[in-house]
């Protein structure tokens, strides 16, 4: 009575068996299924220990699910929705390629699981899906590697390339702007440095000029002519006695410009044409060696002289490393004199040595006993130094002043004799040349 109350299908007695559907169960009696593959599957699973009834039961369950979804259109829509859900964005970028593949896949699944299908359901699904996946991958790869405007990667590459070119051009322009800015700053700095150097040079020149002016004013004259004038007077006296002409040129412009050279001596100019020129530069301060040589060279150039004598006020103003009454470079001489009384032996020796050198250099044929001249000059210088030492000693030794003065007079006489010897040697040579 209980079984008869449950929902059930009408009893199907057609064919060679009885099939009844009771609630969620199916009862099959005396049913024979003529299917080689199904029979093979049941035997094979039974050999592996699977009961035959269990295999038949699962086959019916799987087949029922497939038959329940055998509508082709329904399967096509289902596959398309699933593929669009996973690859919808890419499918739209590729122009519907995946959609067409999804429709084709759904149709194949529908046709495969139609009434005429054969073989295992799992195997056929796996084979269809794998083949379709391979096909979709190959199509996708061809689309993504093709040099076609429809390829989304081509457009992406074009945009990336364009962006890189724009970035590179912008970077190049920035570098060019930085380079131009650096060059402008460099030129500006060079201009500023040049202007600063010129300004500094002007300041230094102004400072030197002010120092010279201060020194001149402190000496009581505009250019410090006090010592210079005394030196000129002493030179002029010696020149007059020898028949030479001494001109005070310290304030006069030279023919080539400038006022270098305080006293110019023209040898023999009293009796006729000058036989040579000596320029004297008087300084009551110490110069460096380079400064002294520059002064003398400029003086010789400005006054067209062949010999220059630097007259300094006192031994303390002789340039460092130089000696008084020593000849340098064949055309320069330094002599130290008393600041207040420059006229004396030292200046006279320097005058005569310079005159002898000019006479020797004037005429290449003039035969002068140069060793004798040098020897006499050395002896004169030695005697002069001894005289100066004695004169200095007289200041502190009053008790021996008479004896020292006698010695001094003797030394002076010796110097005069040596100077006369120098003059006679030069005169003899000139007479011999004239003959």
Protein backbone atom coordinates (compact mmCIF):
# COMPACT_ATOMS: atom_id res chain seq x y z
CA UNK A 1 0.00 0.00 0.00
CA UNK A 2 2.88 2.43 0.82
CA UNK A 3 4.61 1.99 -2.57
CA UNK A 4 1.44 2.60 -4.50
CA UNK A 5 1.05 6.11 -2.95
CA UNK A 6 4.42 7.50 -4.31
CA UNK A 7 4.61 9.39 -7.65
CA UNK A 8 5.62 7.07 -10.46
CA UNK A 9 5.63 6.79 -14.24
CA UNK A 10 3.18 4.57 -15.98
CA UNK A 11 4.52 1.08 -16.18
CA UNK A 12 6.54 0.76 -19.40
CA UNK A 13 6.33 -2.82 -20.68
CA UNK A 14 7.41 -2.11 -24.21
CA UNK A 15 10.54 -3.64 -25.53
CA UNK A 16 12.38 -6.38 -23.73
CA UNK A 17 12.23 -5.05 -20.17
CA UNK A 18 10.24 -3.20 -17.58
CA UNK A 19 11.34 0.34 -16.46
CA UNK A 20 9.62 2.11 -13.57
CA UNK A 21 10.45 5.66 -12.18
CA UNK A 22 9.55 5.72 -8.48
CA UNK A 23 10.10 9.14 -6.82
CA UNK A 24 13.90 9.70 -7.12
CA UNK A 25 14.60 6.11 -8.16
CA UNK A 26 14.45 4.11 -11.40
CA UNK A 27 13.63 0.38 -11.27
CA UNK A 28 14.71 -1.63 -14.33
CA UNK A 29 13.61 -5.24 -14.76
CA UNK A 30 14.56 -7.60 -17.53
CA UNK A 31 16.16 -4.78 -19.68
CA UNK A 32 18.87 -5.60 -22.17
CA UNK A 33 21.07 -2.75 -23.52
CA UNK A 34 22.76 -3.60 -26.83
CA UNK A 35 25.80 -1.28 -26.74
CA UNK A 36 29.29 -2.64 -27.30
CA UNK A 37 31.06 0.27 -25.63
CA UNK A 38 28.77 0.16 -22.57
CA UNK A 39 29.27 -3.60 -22.24
CA UNK A 40 33.05 -3.20 -22.56
CA UNK A 41 33.04 -0.45 -19.90
CA UNK A 42 31.02 -2.59 -17.46
CA UNK A 43 33.32 -5.62 -17.92
CA UNK A 44 36.46 -3.51 -17.65
CA UNK A 45 35.38 -1.82 -14.42
CA UNK A 46 34.15 -5.11 -13.02
CA UNK A 47 37.60 -6.59 -13.59
CA UNK A 48 39.06 -3.70 -11.58
CA UNK A 49 36.72 -4.51 -8.71
CA UNK A 50 33.89 -2.17 -9.53
CA UNK A 51 30.44 -3.79 -9.24
CA UNK A 52 28.54 -3.97 -12.54
CA UNK A 53 25.44 -2.45 -11.00
CA UNK A 54 27.43 0.57 -9.79
CA UNK A 55 28.85 1.14 -13.28
CA UNK A 56 25.42 0.88 -14.92
CA UNK A 57 23.94 3.21 -12.31
CA UNK A 58 26.62 5.92 -12.96
CA UNK A 59 26.26 5.56 -16.71
CA UNK A 60 22.52 6.19 -16.41
CA UNK A 61 23.11 9.23 -14.15
CA UNK A 62 25.66 10.79 -16.52
CA UNK A 63 23.59 10.08 -19.59
CA UNK A 64 20.52 11.60 -17.97
CA UNK A 65 22.42 14.84 -17.28
CA UNK A 66 23.68 15.02 -20.86
CA UNK A 67 20.24 14.35 -22.32
CA UNK A 68 18.81 17.03 -20.05
CA UNK A 69 21.13 19.62 -21.71
CA UNK A 70 20.99 18.32 -25.27
CA UNK A 71 19.42 21.51 -26.67
CA UNK A 72 22.02 23.00 -29.03
CA UNK A 73 21.01 26.65 -28.64
CA UNK A 74 21.07 26.36 -24.87
CA UNK A 75 24.57 24.88 -24.94
CA UNK A 76 25.83 27.61 -27.34
CA UNK A 77 24.55 30.39 -25.07
CA UNK A 78 26.03 28.74 -22.02
CA UNK A 79 29.51 28.35 -23.51
CA UNK A 80 29.48 31.90 -24.90
CA UNK A 81 28.51 33.37 -21.50
CA UNK A 82 31.21 31.41 -19.71
CA UNK A 83 33.93 32.44 -22.19
CA UNK A 84 32.82 36.09 -22.20
CA UNK A 85 32.84 36.12 -18.39
CA UNK A 86 36.49 34.98 -18.35
CA UNK A 87 37.85 36.64 -21.49
CA UNK A 88 35.24 39.25 -22.32
CA UNK A 89 37.61 42.24 -22.43
CA UNK A 90 40.20 40.44 -24.53
CA UNK A 91 37.45 39.09 -26.82
CA UNK A 92 36.25 42.65 -27.50
CA UNK A 93 39.83 43.81 -28.22
CA UNK A 94 40.28 40.92 -30.67
CA UNK A 95 37.13 41.69 -32.57
CA UNK A 96 34.93 38.76 -31.53
CA UNK A 97 37.39 35.95 -32.23
CA UNK A 98 36.74 34.24 -28.91
CA UNK A 99 33.00 34.65 -29.32
CA UNK A 100 33.11 32.83 -32.64
CA UNK A 101 35.24 30.10 -31.05
CA UNK A 102 32.83 29.79 -28.13
CA UNK A 103 29.88 29.34 -30.46
CA UNK A 104 31.74 26.73 -32.47
CA UNK A 105 32.73 24.91 -29.27
CA UNK A 106 29.16 24.91 -27.99
CA UNK A 107 27.88 23.51 -31.27
CA UNK A 108 30.49 20.77 -31.21
CA UNK A 109 29.57 19.86 -27.64
CA UNK A 110 25.90 19.84 -28.53
CA UNK A 111 26.41 17.69 -31.60
CA UNK A 112 28.74 15.36 -29.76
CA UNK A 113 26.31 14.71 -26.99
CA UNK A 114 23.41 14.33 -29.35
CA UNK A 115 21.48 11.11 -29.87
CA UNK A 116 24.13 9.76 -32.24
CA UNK A 117 27.15 10.18 -29.91
CA UNK A 118 29.44 7.22 -29.12
CA UNK A 119 32.27 6.75 -26.65
CA UNK A 120 32.96 7.94 -23.11
CA UNK A 121 31.52 11.29 -22.05
CA UNK A 122 34.60 12.39 -20.06
CA UNK A 123 37.00 11.43 -22.83
CA UNK A 124 35.03 13.21 -25.50
CA UNK A 125 34.65 16.39 -23.41
CA UNK A 126 38.33 16.38 -22.60
CA UNK A 127 39.28 15.86 -26.24
CA UNK A 128 36.95 18.62 -27.48
CA UNK A 129 38.04 21.14 -24.85
CA UNK A 130 41.75 20.39 -25.37
CA UNK A 131 41.49 20.69 -29.16
CA UNK A 132 39.51 23.89 -28.90
CA UNK A 133 41.95 25.32 -26.34
CA UNK A 134 44.84 24.57 -28.66
CA UNK A 135 43.05 26.19 -31.53
CA UNK A 136 42.16 29.25 -29.47
CA UNK A 137 45.78 29.60 -28.26
CA UNK A 138 47.13 29.32 -31.79
CA UNK A 139 44.61 31.87 -33.10
CA UNK A 140 45.35 34.21 -30.20
CA UNK A 141 49.11 33.87 -30.70
CA UNK A 142 48.76 34.59 -34.42
CA UNK A 143 46.68 37.66 -33.69
CA UNK A 144 49.09 38.97 -31.04
CA UNK A 145 52.22 38.40 -33.15
CA UNK A 146 50.82 39.55 -36.49
CA UNK A 147 51.96 42.94 -37.81
CA UNK A 148 48.38 43.96 -38.35
CA UNK A 149 46.64 47.17 -37.24
CA UNK A 150 43.94 44.98 -35.68
CA UNK A 151 46.51 43.47 -33.33
CA UNK A 152 46.06 45.27 -29.97
CA UNK A 153 49.73 44.82 -29.18
CA UNK A 154 50.74 46.64 -32.37
CA UNK A 155 48.83 49.70 -31.28
CA UNK A 156 50.29 49.36 -27.81
CA UNK A 157 53.83 49.09 -29.23
CA UNK A 158 53.21 52.13 -31.42
CA UNK A 159 51.97 54.14 -28.45
CA UNK A 160 54.88 53.01 -26.27
CA UNK A 161 57.39 53.80 -29.03
CA UNK A 162 55.85 57.21 -29.58
CA UNK A 163 55.92 57.89 -25.85
CA UNK A 164 59.59 56.84 -25.64
CA UNK A 165 60.49 59.09 -28.57
CA UNK A 166 58.67 61.99 -26.97
CA UNK A 167 60.45 61.34 -23.67
CA UNK A 168 63.83 61.10 -25.40
CA UNK A 169 63.23 64.34 -27.32
CA UNK A 170 62.12 66.12 -24.15
CA UNK A 171 65.22 64.81 -22.34
CA UNK A 172 67.45 65.98 -25.21
CA UNK A 173 65.87 69.44 -25.13
CA UNK A 174 66.38 69.64 -21.37
CA UNK A 175 70.04 68.67 -21.75
CA UNK A 176 70.47 71.27 -24.51
CA UNK A 177 68.88 73.92 -22.33
CA UNK A 178 71.15 72.96 -19.43
CA UNK A 179 74.20 73.07 -21.73
CA UNK A 180 73.27 76.52 -23.07
CA UNK A 181 72.63 77.75 -19.54
CA UNK A 182 76.00 76.41 -18.40
CA UNK A 183 77.77 78.05 -21.35
CA UNK A 184 76.08 81.37 -20.62
CA UNK A 185 77.05 81.14 -16.96
CA UNK A 186 80.62 80.20 -17.92
CA UNK A 187 80.90 83.15 -20.32
CA UNK A 188 79.42 85.45 -17.70
CA UNK A 189 81.90 84.22 -15.09
CA UNK A 190 84.81 84.64 -17.51
CA UNK A 191 83.69 88.18 -18.25
CA UNK A 192 83.39 88.94 -14.54
CA UNK A 193 86.83 87.46 -13.85
CA UNK A 194 88.34 89.50 -16.70
CA UNK A 195 86.69 92.68 -15.43
CA UNK A 196 87.85 91.87 -11.90
CA UNK A 197 91.44 91.39 -13.12
CA UNK A 198 91.34 94.70 -14.97
CA UNK A 199 89.89 96.45 -11.94
CA UNK A 200 92.53 94.87 -9.70
CA UNK A 201 95.29 95.92 -12.12
CA UNK A 202 93.98 99.49 -12.10
CA UNK A 203 93.88 99.46 -8.30
CA UNK A 204 97.44 98.14 -8.12
CA UNK A 205 98.66 100.75 -10.60
CA UNK A 206 96.90 103.43 -8.63
CA UNK A 207 98.40 102.14 -5.40
CA UNK A 208 101.90 102.09 -6.90
CA UNK A 209 101.43 105.60 -8.22
CA UNK A 210 100.21 106.81 -4.84
CA UNK A 211 103.16 105.18 -3.09
CA UNK A 212 105.61 106.79 -5.50
CA UNK A 213 103.89 110.13 -5.06
CA UNK A 214 104.00 109.78 -1.29
CA UNK A 215 107.70 108.93 -1.41
CA UNK A 216 108.35 111.89 -3.70
CA UNK A 217 106.39 114.26 -1.49
CA UNK A 218 108.18 112.94 1.59
CA UNK A 219 111.50 113.76 -0.15
CA UNK A 220 110.25 117.29 -0.78
CA UNK A 221 109.83 117.06 -4.56
CA UNK A 222 107.18 115.87 -7.02
CA UNK A 223 109.23 112.89 -8.26
CA UNK A 224 111.93 112.60 -5.61
CA UNK A 225 114.41 114.71 -7.60
CA UNK A 226 116.42 115.67 -4.48
CA UNK A 227 118.68 112.61 -4.60
CA UNK A 228 118.37 112.43 -8.36
CA UNK A 229 119.49 116.02 -8.81
CA UNK A 230 122.50 115.55 -6.54
CA UNK A 231 123.52 112.48 -8.52
CA UNK A 232 123.12 114.41 -11.77
CA UNK A 233 125.28 117.25 -10.50
CA UNK A 234 128.03 114.80 -9.56
CA UNK A 235 127.83 113.08 -12.95
CA UNK A 236 127.78 116.41 -14.75
CA UNK A 237 131.00 117.49 -13.02
CA UNK A 238 132.82 114.33 -14.07
CA UNK A 239 131.45 114.59 -17.63
CA UNK A 240 132.54 118.23 -18.00
CA UNK A 241 136.08 117.36 -16.96
CA UNK A 242 136.23 114.57 -19.56
CA UNK A 243 134.70 116.50 -22.47
CA UNK A 244 131.39 114.62 -22.25
CA UNK A 245 127.89 116.07 -22.10
CA UNK A 246 125.52 115.10 -19.25
CA UNK A 247 121.80 115.90 -19.65
CA UNK A 248 119.21 115.66 -16.89
CA UNK A 249 116.44 113.69 -18.65
CA UNK A 250 114.39 112.46 -15.68
CA UNK A 251 111.50 114.79 -16.43
CA UNK A 252 111.77 114.68 -20.22
CA UNK A 253 109.94 112.31 -22.53
CA UNK A 254 112.20 110.10 -24.58
CA UNK A 255 111.83 109.81 -28.34
CA UNK A 256 110.21 106.41 -27.92
CA UNK A 257 107.98 107.58 -25.07
CA UNK A 258 108.36 107.29 -21.31
CA UNK A 259 110.68 109.07 -18.86
CA UNK A 260 113.07 106.26 -18.01
CA UNK A 261 116.70 107.31 -17.52
CA UNK A 262 117.49 110.17 -15.14
CA UNK A 263 120.83 111.33 -16.62
CA UNK A 264 122.08 110.75 -20.14
CA UNK A 265 125.85 111.04 -20.83
CA UNK A 266 127.03 111.48 -24.42
CA UNK A 267 130.73 110.62 -24.58
CA UNK A 268 132.92 113.19 -26.40
CA UNK A 269 129.92 115.32 -27.34
CA UNK A 270 131.70 118.54 -26.22
CA UNK A 271 134.19 118.20 -29.07
CA UNK A 272 131.92 116.84 -31.77
CA UNK A 273 129.66 113.91 -32.55
CA UNK A 274 128.83 111.66 -29.60
CA UNK A 275 130.87 108.46 -29.53
CA UNK A 276 128.43 106.58 -27.33
CA UNK A 277 125.77 106.96 -24.68
CA UNK A 278 125.54 105.99 -21.00
CA UNK A 279 122.29 106.28 -19.06
CA UNK A 280 122.22 106.67 -15.26
CA UNK A 281 119.17 105.70 -13.18
CA UNK A 282 119.15 107.13 -9.61
CA UNK A 283 117.13 105.33 -6.91
CA UNK A 284 117.00 106.11 -3.21
CA UNK A 285 115.15 102.87 -2.45
CA UNK A 286 115.94 99.19 -2.88
CA UNK A 287 114.74 97.41 -6.01
CA UNK A 288 114.55 93.71 -6.67
CA UNK A 289 117.00 92.32 -9.20
CA UNK A 290 114.29 91.82 -11.81
CA UNK A 291 112.87 95.30 -11.20
CA UNK A 292 116.35 96.83 -11.42
CA UNK A 293 117.11 95.06 -14.70
CA UNK A 294 113.73 96.12 -16.10
CA UNK A 295 114.41 99.76 -15.16
CA UNK A 296 117.87 99.72 -16.76
CA UNK A 297 116.73 97.93 -19.93
CA UNK A 298 113.87 100.38 -20.41
CA UNK A 299 116.20 103.30 -19.77
CA UNK A 300 118.70 102.09 -22.39
CA UNK A 301 115.91 101.53 -24.88
CA UNK A 302 114.27 104.90 -24.25
CA UNK A 303 117.55 106.88 -24.39
CA UNK A 304 119.29 104.84 -27.11
CA UNK A 305 122.18 104.07 -24.74
CA UNK A 306 124.52 101.08 -24.88
CA UNK A 307 125.34 100.99 -21.16
CA UNK A 308 123.31 101.64 -17.99
CA UNK A 309 124.37 102.42 -14.43
CA UNK A 310 122.03 102.05 -11.44
CA UNK A 311 123.01 104.58 -8.72
CA UNK A 312 121.52 103.69 -5.32
CA UNK A 313 121.62 105.62 -2.05
CA UNK A 314 123.75 103.45 0.25
CA UNK A 315 124.84 99.83 0.33
CA UNK A 316 121.52 98.83 1.91
CA UNK A 317 119.70 99.67 -1.33
CA UNK A 318 121.81 97.42 -3.58
CA UNK A 319 119.45 94.71 -5.02
CA UNK A 320 119.64 91.43 -3.13
CA UNK A 321 122.25 89.08 -4.51
CA UNK A 322 124.00 91.85 -6.50
CA UNK A 323 127.31 93.61 -5.80
CA UNK A 324 128.36 97.18 -6.25
CA UNK A 325 130.73 98.03 -9.13
CA UNK A 326 130.29 94.58 -10.66
CA UNK A 327 129.39 94.38 -14.33
CA UNK A 328 126.30 92.35 -15.29
CA UNK A 329 125.18 91.09 -18.69
CA UNK A 330 127.93 93.14 -20.37
CA UNK A 331 125.96 96.40 -20.23
CA UNK A 332 124.86 97.03 -16.62
CA UNK A 333 126.56 98.28 -13.47
CA UNK A 334 125.40 99.04 -9.94
CA UNK A 335 127.08 101.58 -7.68
CA UNK A 336 126.22 102.64 -4.13
CA UNK A 337 126.87 106.26 -3.13
CA UNK A 338 126.30 108.45 -0.11
CA UNK A 339 122.75 109.74 -0.07
CA UNK A 340 123.68 113.32 0.76
CA UNK A 341 127.05 113.47 -1.02
CA UNK A 342 126.92 111.17 -4.06
CA UNK A 343 129.93 112.81 -5.70
CA UNK A 344 132.98 110.74 -4.90
CA UNK A 345 135.20 107.89 -5.88
CA UNK A 346 132.48 105.26 -6.20
CA UNK A 347 130.48 107.24 -8.74
CA UNK A 348 133.70 108.25 -10.55
CA UNK A 349 134.81 104.63 -10.86
CA UNK A 350 131.39 103.59 -12.17
CA UNK A 351 131.47 106.46 -14.71
CA UNK A 352 134.93 105.59 -16.05
CA UNK A 353 134.23 101.83 -16.20
CA UNK A 354 131.03 102.47 -18.13
CA UNK A 355 132.84 104.87 -20.50
CA UNK A 356 135.59 102.29 -21.11
CA UNK A 357 133.00 99.58 -21.90
CA UNK A 358 131.20 101.89 -24.34
CA UNK A 359 134.48 102.77 -26.06
CA UNK A 360 135.40 99.07 -26.36
CA UNK A 361 132.01 98.18 -27.74
CA UNK A 362 131.86 101.14 -30.14
CA UNK A 363 134.63 100.03 -32.45
CA UNK A 364 135.29 96.34 -33.02
CA UNK A 365 138.77 97.22 -34.40
CA UNK A 366 139.71 99.10 -31.25
CA UNK A 367 142.49 97.08 -29.60
CA UNK A 368 142.23 97.43 -25.85
CA UNK A 369 144.11 95.42 -23.31
CA UNK A 370 140.92 94.02 -21.79
CA UNK A 371 142.72 91.95 -19.10
CA UNK A 372 144.64 95.03 -18.00
CA UNK A 373 141.42 97.03 -17.85
CA UNK A 374 139.69 94.36 -15.80
CA UNK A 375 142.70 94.05 -13.50
CA UNK A 376 142.88 97.80 -12.96
CA UNK A 377 139.13 97.92 -12.35
CA UNK A 378 139.33 95.14 -9.77
CA UNK A 379 142.18 96.86 -7.97
CA UNK A 380 140.28 100.16 -8.05
CA UNK A 381 137.19 98.51 -6.63
CA UNK A 382 139.22 96.77 -3.95
CA UNK A 383 140.95 99.99 -2.97
CA UNK A 384 137.62 101.79 -2.98
CA UNK A 385 136.08 99.23 -0.67
CA UNK A 386 139.05 99.54 1.66
CA UNK A 387 138.69 103.31 1.60
CA UNK A 388 135.01 103.00 2.42
CA UNK A 389 135.79 100.64 5.25
CA UNK A 390 138.38 103.07 6.61
CA UNK A 391 135.94 105.93 6.26
CA UNK A 392 133.39 103.97 8.22
CA UNK A 393 135.95 103.16 10.86
CA UNK A 394 136.75 106.84 11.25
CA UNK A 395 133.27 107.47 12.57
CA UNK A 396 133.85 105.32 15.65
CA UNK A 397 137.59 105.70 16.14
CA UNK A 398 138.45 109.33 16.74
CA UNK A 399 141.80 108.59 18.38
CA UNK A 400 143.09 107.05 15.15
CA UNK A 401 141.51 109.52 12.77
CA UNK A 402 144.78 111.07 11.61
CA UNK A 403 146.39 107.77 10.76
CA UNK A 404 143.23 106.50 9.13
CA UNK A 405 142.93 109.69 7.11
CA UNK A 406 146.49 109.31 5.89
CA UNK A 407 145.68 105.77 4.82
CA UNK A 408 142.51 106.98 3.17
CA UNK A 409 144.39 109.65 1.24
CA UNK A 410 146.86 107.02 0.09
CA UNK A 411 144.05 104.76 -1.06
CA UNK A 412 142.44 107.66 -2.87
CA UNK A 413 145.68 108.39 -4.66
CA UNK A 414 145.93 104.72 -5.63
CA UNK A 415 142.42 104.75 -7.01
CA UNK A 416 143.15 107.90 -8.98
CA UNK A 417 146.27 106.25 -10.39
CA UNK A 418 144.33 103.20 -11.47
CA UNK A 419 141.67 105.35 -13.08
CA UNK A 420 144.33 107.27 -14.94
CA UNK A 421 145.74 103.92 -16.10
CA UNK A 422 142.34 102.92 -17.46
CA UNK A 423 142.05 106.23 -19.32
CA UNK A 424 145.55 105.91 -20.74
CA UNK A 425 144.92 102.36 -21.95
CA UNK A 426 141.79 103.44 -23.77
CA UNK A 427 143.51 106.54 -25.18
CA UNK A 428 146.48 104.51 -26.46
CA UNK A 429 144.11 102.12 -28.20
CA UNK A 430 142.19 104.97 -29.80
CA UNK A 431 145.42 106.66 -30.97
CA UNK A 432 146.70 103.43 -32.46
CA UNK A 433 143.41 102.97 -34.35
CA UNK A 434 143.49 106.54 -35.62
CA UNK A 435 146.98 106.06 -37.01
